[in-house]
């Protein structure tokens, strides 16, 4: 049975939402950079730490994570900085 939503692998990165990791002080310019990007189709890509295994136990029953999904954690300031670029509807 198909899922109600599936990621479109052909959608390309369109624009960053919020400030760059450098502007927010979230990178040493050597290792990874937490970030949020809008894709051409309007979906959102989140770059952060994969903490799926950390939250495997004790997560609320309504939180379902399929085998090809991950729980990704980003710094609070990344989402706050992106707020002005995220439409209300």
C-alpha atoms as a PDB file:
ATOM      1  CA  UNK A   1       0.000   0.000   0.000  1.00  0.00           C
ATOM      2  CA  UNK A   2       1.496   3.386  -0.964  1.00  0.00           C
ATOM      3  CA  UNK A   3       2.079   6.012   1.691  1.00  0.00           C
ATOM      4  CA  UNK A   4       0.041   9.240   1.640  1.00  0.00           C
ATOM      5  CA  UNK A   5       3.262  11.235   1.120  1.00  0.00           C
ATOM      6  CA  UNK A   6       6.539  10.238  -0.479  1.00  0.00           C
ATOM      7  CA  UNK A   7       9.695  12.308  -0.839  1.00  0.00           C
ATOM      8  CA  UNK A   8      10.359  13.389  -4.423  1.00  0.00           C
ATOM      9  CA  UNK A   9      14.001  12.544  -5.045  1.00  0.00           C
ATOM     10  CA  UNK A  10      14.011  14.623  -8.224  1.00  0.00           C
ATOM     11  CA  UNK A  11      13.242  17.877  -6.327  1.00  0.00           C
ATOM     12  CA  UNK A  12      16.354  20.060  -6.099  1.00  0.00           C
ATOM     13  CA  UNK A  13      17.434  22.419  -3.349  1.00  0.00           C
ATOM     14  CA  UNK A  14      15.937  25.856  -4.025  1.00  0.00           C
ATOM     15  CA  UNK A  15      16.792  28.203  -1.145  1.00  0.00           C
ATOM     16  CA  UNK A  16      17.982  28.291   2.433  1.00  0.00           C
ATOM     17  CA  UNK A  17      15.369  29.155   5.042  1.00  0.00           C
ATOM     18  CA  UNK A  18      16.846  31.494   7.619  1.00  0.00           C
ATOM     19  CA  UNK A  19      20.495  32.323   8.131  1.00  0.00           C
ATOM     20  CA  UNK A  20      23.545  30.297   7.170  1.00  0.00           C
ATOM     21  CA  UNK A  21      25.225  28.073   9.761  1.00  0.00           C
ATOM     22  CA  UNK A  22      28.175  30.494   9.738  1.00  0.00           C
ATOM     23  CA  UNK A  23      25.955  33.490  10.507  1.00  0.00           C
ATOM     24  CA  UNK A  24      24.423  31.590  13.431  1.00  0.00           C
ATOM     25  CA  UNK A  25      27.747  30.349  14.801  1.00  0.00           C
ATOM     26  CA  UNK A  26      26.719  26.697  14.357  1.00  0.00           C
ATOM     27  CA  UNK A  27      29.705  25.516  12.335  1.00  0.00           C
ATOM     28  CA  UNK A  28      33.454  25.332  12.578  1.00  0.00           C
ATOM     29  CA  UNK A  29      33.542  25.219   8.739  1.00  0.00           C
ATOM     30  CA  UNK A  30      35.152  21.765   8.947  1.00  0.00           C
ATOM     31  CA  UNK A  31      32.385  19.487  10.196  1.00  0.00           C
ATOM     32  CA  UNK A  32      28.660  19.408   9.417  1.00  0.00           C
ATOM     33  CA  UNK A  33      26.385  22.403   9.307  1.00  0.00           C
ATOM     34  CA  UNK A  34      22.796  22.248  10.611  1.00  0.00           C
ATOM     35  CA  UNK A  35      20.529  23.884   8.050  1.00  0.00           C
ATOM     36  CA  UNK A  36      17.005  24.086   6.595  1.00  0.00           C
ATOM     37  CA  UNK A  37      16.333  24.258   2.838  1.00  0.00           C
ATOM     38  CA  UNK A  38      13.220  24.579   0.730  1.00  0.00           C
ATOM     39  CA  UNK A  39      13.067  22.266  -2.276  1.00  0.00           C
ATOM     40  CA  UNK A  40      11.770  23.201  -5.721  1.00  0.00           C
ATOM     41  CA  UNK A  41       8.488  21.408  -4.990  1.00  0.00           C
ATOM     42  CA  UNK A  42       7.956  23.236  -1.675  1.00  0.00           C
ATOM     43  CA  UNK A  43       9.033  20.355   0.582  1.00  0.00           C
ATOM     44  CA  UNK A  44      11.664  21.025   3.246  1.00  0.00           C
ATOM     45  CA  UNK A  45      15.082  19.410   3.732  1.00  0.00           C
ATOM     46  CA  UNK A  46      16.578  19.487   7.240  1.00  0.00           C
ATOM     47  CA  UNK A  47      20.278  18.897   7.872  1.00  0.00           C
ATOM     48  CA  UNK A  48      21.042  17.955  11.444  1.00  0.00           C
ATOM     49  CA  UNK A  49      22.220  15.175  13.717  1.00  0.00           C
ATOM     50  CA  UNK A  50      20.627  11.746  13.297  1.00  0.00           C
ATOM     51  CA  UNK A  51      19.446  10.853  16.800  1.00  0.00           C
ATOM     52  CA  UNK A  52      16.946   8.186  15.761  1.00  0.00           C
ATOM     53  CA  UNK A  53      18.518   5.527  17.980  1.00  0.00           C
ATOM     54  CA  UNK A  54      18.650   7.890  20.967  1.00  0.00           C
ATOM     55  CA  UNK A  55      14.899   8.480  20.780  1.00  0.00           C
ATOM     56  CA  UNK A  56      13.966   4.879  19.896  1.00  0.00           C
ATOM     57  CA  UNK A  57      12.896   4.137  23.458  1.00  0.00           C
ATOM     58  CA  UNK A  58      10.473   6.266  25.388  1.00  0.00           C
ATOM     59  CA  UNK A  59       9.057   8.186  22.445  1.00  0.00           C
ATOM     60  CA  UNK A  60       5.335   8.962  22.435  1.00  0.00           C
ATOM     61  CA  UNK A  61       3.142   6.280  20.845  1.00  0.00           C
ATOM     62  CA  UNK A  62       1.940   8.648  18.130  1.00  0.00           C
ATOM     63  CA  UNK A  63       5.532   9.262  16.969  1.00  0.00           C
ATOM     64  CA  UNK A  64       6.151   6.722  14.215  1.00  0.00           C
ATOM     65  CA  UNK A  65       9.524   6.462  12.479  1.00  0.00           C
ATOM     66  CA  UNK A  66       9.638   4.161   9.448  1.00  0.00           C
ATOM     67  CA  UNK A  67      12.785   2.287   8.437  1.00  0.00           C
ATOM     68  CA  UNK A  68      13.728   4.907   5.854  1.00  0.00           C
ATOM     69  CA  UNK A  69      13.049   7.872   8.178  1.00  0.00           C
ATOM     70  CA  UNK A  70      15.249   9.510  10.814  1.00  0.00           C
ATOM     71  CA  UNK A  71      14.739  11.700  13.863  1.00  0.00           C
ATOM     72  CA  UNK A  72      16.921  14.704  13.023  1.00  0.00           C
ATOM     73  CA  UNK A  73      17.850  17.305  15.621  1.00  0.00           C
ATOM     74  CA  UNK A  74      18.801  20.883  14.750  1.00  0.00           C
ATOM     75  CA  UNK A  75      19.755  23.789  17.027  1.00  0.00           C
ATOM     76  CA  UNK A  76      16.841  25.941  18.187  1.00  0.00           C
ATOM     77  CA  UNK A  77      18.405  29.045  16.622  1.00  0.00           C
ATOM     78  CA  UNK A  78      18.258  27.444  13.157  1.00  0.00           C
ATOM     79  CA  UNK A  79      14.471  27.055  13.288  1.00  0.00           C
ATOM     80  CA  UNK A  80      13.953  30.483  14.858  1.00  0.00           C
ATOM     81  CA  UNK A  81      16.063  32.116  12.136  1.00  0.00           C
ATOM     82  CA  UNK A  82      14.016  30.308   9.456  1.00  0.00           C
ATOM     83  CA  UNK A  83      10.677  31.477  10.890  1.00  0.00           C
ATOM     84  CA  UNK A  84      10.559  34.648   8.763  1.00  0.00           C
ATOM     85  CA  UNK A  85      11.005  32.569   5.586  1.00  0.00           C
ATOM     86  CA  UNK A  86       8.247  30.059   6.435  1.00  0.00           C
ATOM     87  CA  UNK A  87       4.771  31.071   5.232  1.00  0.00           C
ATOM     88  CA  UNK A  88       1.786  30.797   7.573  1.00  0.00           C
ATOM     89  CA  UNK A  89      -0.096  28.609   5.113  1.00  0.00           C
END
